[in-house]
């Protein structure tokens, strides 16, 4: 009598294959870009059949968006945690300085993240849905949570928490793009600590005036 695998073993095997496909997809997208990557290439890189790739991800766009979601989950959810009681009781300048440093550490110290960002930006003209998927995920894990902090922090009484959140993140993203992705360190040099210190002061000073 033929024995069947336990459901848990099937789920584990499926999870392992999905992870292999994600790793293979990342490898191919970084090496060839979105347009030139095929599901055949991904299957070979992942060491699985093409049918297995399609059984886990409906198409190439679905695979790319799954990589965006995994990247955002892994990189930003821990950085932009919920505004819990301990965070709300800590001095805002300490919270914001720590947040800025953790965000830049997370983004700038991992070449794979920067290279994947280059793919998203480079392909955004031909495939705007990919860039929109990235923005949607960033909105949920960074802007939304930082806006919540600016709204609920008792020591900050900002007139426009949403705009302040976008100014805060936008400044750091601009710094990352110019310094690392566009290789502008020598053209427009700026010390990271100096940028963060002045950014935090701007927000704290704005809060004190409102």
Protein backbone atom coordinates (compact mmCIF):
# COMPACT_ATOMS: atom_id res chain seq x y z
CA UNK A 1 0.00 0.00 0.00
CA UNK A 2 1.43 3.35 -1.06
CA UNK A 3 2.17 5.74 1.78
CA UNK A 4 1.24 9.40 1.46
CA UNK A 5 3.28 12.25 2.88
CA UNK A 6 1.87 13.97 5.95
CA UNK A 7 0.27 17.36 5.21
CA UNK A 8 2.91 19.11 7.33
CA UNK A 9 5.70 17.64 5.20
CA UNK A 10 3.91 18.81 2.04
CA UNK A 11 3.59 22.32 3.44
CA UNK A 12 7.24 22.38 4.44
CA UNK A 13 8.33 21.17 1.01
CA UNK A 14 6.11 23.77 -0.66
CA UNK A 15 7.54 26.49 1.56
CA UNK A 16 11.10 25.42 0.74
CA UNK A 17 10.34 25.47 -2.98
CA UNK A 18 8.69 28.88 -2.72
CA UNK A 19 11.77 30.21 -0.95
CA UNK A 20 14.02 28.71 -3.64
CA UNK A 21 11.90 30.36 -6.33
CA UNK A 22 12.08 33.74 -4.57
CA UNK A 23 15.85 33.43 -4.27
CA UNK A 24 16.14 32.38 -7.90
CA UNK A 25 13.86 35.22 -8.97
CA UNK A 26 15.90 37.77 -7.06
CA UNK A 27 19.09 36.44 -8.64
CA UNK A 28 17.68 36.71 -12.15
CA UNK A 29 16.02 40.10 -11.73
CA UNK A 30 19.22 41.60 -10.34
CA UNK A 31 21.33 40.07 -13.11
CA UNK A 32 19.07 40.76 -16.10
CA UNK A 33 16.41 43.26 -15.06
CA UNK A 34 12.67 42.70 -15.11
CA UNK A 35 12.04 42.71 -18.86
CA UNK A 36 14.82 40.26 -19.74
CA UNK A 37 14.01 37.79 -16.96
CA UNK A 38 11.83 34.82 -17.90
CA UNK A 39 10.13 32.22 -15.76
CA UNK A 40 12.32 29.63 -17.50
CA UNK A 41 15.40 31.41 -16.17
CA UNK A 42 13.87 31.58 -12.70
CA UNK A 43 13.05 27.87 -12.72
CA UNK A 44 16.64 26.97 -13.66
CA UNK A 45 18.07 29.30 -11.01
CA UNK A 46 15.73 27.87 -8.38
CA UNK A 47 16.39 24.26 -9.35
CA UNK A 48 12.70 23.47 -9.89
CA UNK A 49 10.44 22.86 -12.85
CA UNK A 50 8.69 25.68 -14.67
CA UNK A 51 5.35 24.16 -13.63
CA UNK A 52 6.42 24.42 -9.99
CA UNK A 53 7.21 28.11 -10.44
CA UNK A 54 3.76 28.75 -11.89
CA UNK A 55 2.09 26.71 -9.16
CA UNK A 56 3.51 29.10 -6.56
CA UNK A 57 3.42 32.37 -8.49
CA UNK A 58 0.88 33.07 -11.22
CA UNK A 59 3.24 35.02 -13.47
CA UNK A 60 6.44 37.06 -13.53
CA UNK A 61 4.73 40.17 -12.18
CA UNK A 62 3.31 38.18 -9.27
CA UNK A 63 6.77 36.85 -8.46
CA UNK A 64 8.31 40.33 -8.59
CA UNK A 65 5.60 41.76 -6.33
CA UNK A 66 6.11 38.86 -3.89
CA UNK A 67 9.79 39.84 -3.74
CA UNK A 68 8.80 43.43 -3.02
CA UNK A 69 6.52 42.29 -0.21
CA UNK A 70 9.21 40.04 1.28
CA UNK A 71 11.80 42.80 1.05
CA UNK A 72 9.55 45.36 2.70
CA UNK A 73 8.48 42.89 5.39
CA UNK A 74 12.05 41.97 6.17
CA UNK A 75 13.55 45.46 6.04
CA UNK A 76 10.96 47.97 7.14
CA UNK A 77 8.48 46.32 9.47
CA UNK A 78 11.09 46.01 12.21
CA UNK A 79 12.31 49.58 11.63
CA UNK A 80 8.85 51.17 11.70
CA UNK A 81 7.37 49.33 14.65
CA UNK A 82 4.08 50.36 16.23
CA UNK A 83 4.03 53.46 18.42
CA UNK A 84 3.73 51.57 21.71
CA UNK A 85 3.70 53.05 25.20
CA UNK A 86 7.48 52.84 25.64
CA UNK A 87 8.13 54.65 22.36
CA UNK A 88 5.57 57.34 23.16
CA UNK A 89 7.20 58.00 26.54
CA UNK A 90 10.69 58.39 25.06
CA UNK A 91 11.94 61.84 24.05
CA UNK A 92 11.01 62.40 20.36
CA UNK A 93 14.52 63.50 19.41
CA UNK A 94 15.87 60.15 20.65
CA UNK A 95 13.14 58.18 18.83
CA UNK A 96 13.62 60.05 15.55
CA UNK A 97 17.41 59.93 15.64
CA UNK A 98 17.33 56.18 16.30
CA UNK A 99 14.71 55.64 13.60
CA UNK A 100 16.73 57.58 11.01
CA UNK A 101 19.90 55.63 11.78
CA UNK A 102 18.14 52.26 11.68
CA UNK A 103 16.46 53.11 8.38
CA UNK A 104 19.73 54.13 6.74
CA UNK A 105 21.55 51.12 8.21
CA UNK A 106 18.86 48.81 6.85
CA UNK A 107 18.92 50.33 3.37
CA UNK A 108 22.54 51.33 2.81
CA UNK A 109 24.42 48.40 4.32
CA UNK A 110 22.97 45.71 2.06
CA UNK A 111 23.96 45.75 -1.63
CA UNK A 112 21.09 43.43 -2.61
CA UNK A 113 18.52 45.94 -1.37
CA UNK A 114 20.16 48.83 -3.24
CA UNK A 115 20.44 46.77 -6.42
CA UNK A 116 16.79 45.71 -6.22
CA UNK A 117 15.83 49.36 -5.77
CA UNK A 118 17.78 50.15 -8.94
CA UNK A 119 15.75 47.52 -10.80
CA UNK A 120 12.46 49.00 -9.55
CA UNK A 121 13.46 52.55 -10.47
CA UNK A 122 14.94 51.50 -13.80
CA UNK A 123 11.85 49.55 -14.85
CA UNK A 124 9.26 52.01 -13.47
CA UNK A 125 8.80 53.73 -16.85
CA UNK A 126 7.89 50.57 -18.76
CA UNK A 127 6.28 48.72 -15.85
CA UNK A 128 4.64 51.33 -13.58
CA UNK A 129 2.65 48.64 -11.76
CA UNK A 130 5.88 47.37 -10.18
CA UNK A 131 6.76 50.79 -8.79
CA UNK A 132 3.17 51.23 -7.56
CA UNK A 133 3.36 47.89 -5.74
CA UNK A 134 6.54 49.05 -4.01
CA UNK A 135 4.96 52.36 -2.99
CA UNK A 136 1.85 50.60 -1.65
CA UNK A 137 3.95 48.33 0.56
CA UNK A 138 6.15 51.19 1.76
CA UNK A 139 3.02 53.20 2.58
CA UNK A 140 1.77 50.43 4.86
CA UNK A 141 5.04 49.81 6.68
CA UNK A 142 6.65 53.24 6.90
CA UNK A 143 4.51 56.29 6.13
CA UNK A 144 1.45 54.92 7.91
CA UNK A 145 3.31 53.94 11.06
CA UNK A 146 5.40 57.10 11.24
CA UNK A 147 2.29 59.20 10.68
CA UNK A 148 0.67 57.34 13.57
CA UNK A 149 3.64 58.15 15.79
CA UNK A 150 3.57 61.85 14.88
CA UNK A 151 -0.18 61.93 15.54
CA UNK A 152 -0.18 60.12 18.90
CA UNK A 153 3.10 61.23 20.49
CA UNK A 154 2.08 63.47 23.44
CA UNK A 155 5.31 65.47 23.21
CA UNK A 156 4.74 66.40 19.56
CA UNK A 157 1.84 68.58 18.54
CA UNK A 158 2.35 68.85 14.82
CA UNK A 159 -0.03 70.75 12.56
CA UNK A 160 0.37 68.22 9.74
CA UNK A 161 1.67 64.79 10.88
CA UNK A 162 1.29 63.24 7.42
CA UNK A 163 3.38 65.90 5.66
CA UNK A 164 5.98 65.73 8.43
CA UNK A 165 6.24 61.94 8.02
CA UNK A 166 6.81 62.34 4.30
CA UNK A 167 9.41 65.07 4.85
CA UNK A 168 11.25 62.85 7.33
CA UNK A 169 11.33 59.74 5.14
CA UNK A 170 11.77 61.70 1.92
CA UNK A 171 14.91 63.38 3.24
CA UNK A 172 16.47 60.05 4.18
CA UNK A 173 15.48 58.39 0.90
CA UNK A 174 16.93 61.30 -1.08
CA UNK A 175 20.16 61.00 0.90
CA UNK A 176 20.32 57.26 0.21
CA UNK A 177 19.61 57.63 -3.51
CA UNK A 178 22.09 60.47 -4.12
CA UNK A 179 24.88 59.11 -1.93
CA UNK A 180 24.66 55.40 -2.74
CA UNK A 181 22.57 54.71 -5.83
CA UNK A 182 23.70 57.69 -7.92
CA UNK A 183 27.28 57.61 -6.59
CA UNK A 184 27.15 61.25 -5.51
CA UNK A 185 29.25 61.11 -2.36
CA UNK A 186 32.09 63.11 -3.90
CA UNK A 187 29.83 65.53 -5.80
CA UNK A 188 27.43 66.53 -3.01
CA UNK A 189 29.12 65.28 0.16
CA UNK A 190 27.07 65.30 3.35
CA UNK A 191 27.86 63.71 6.69
CA UNK A 192 25.11 61.34 7.71
CA UNK A 193 25.14 62.46 11.36
CA UNK A 194 24.87 66.10 10.33
CA UNK A 195 21.89 65.41 8.08
CA UNK A 196 20.05 63.42 10.75
CA UNK A 197 20.75 65.94 13.51
CA UNK A 198 19.39 68.85 11.47
CA UNK A 199 16.39 66.86 10.25
CA UNK A 200 15.42 65.99 13.82
CA UNK A 201 15.92 69.61 14.95
CA UNK A 202 13.64 70.86 12.17
CA UNK A 203 10.81 68.58 13.32
CA UNK A 204 11.28 69.27 17.02
CA UNK A 205 11.42 73.04 16.40
CA UNK A 206 8.28 72.83 14.28
CA UNK A 207 6.51 70.99 17.10
CA UNK A 208 7.55 73.60 19.65
CA UNK A 209 6.12 76.43 17.52
CA UNK A 210 2.68 74.87 17.03
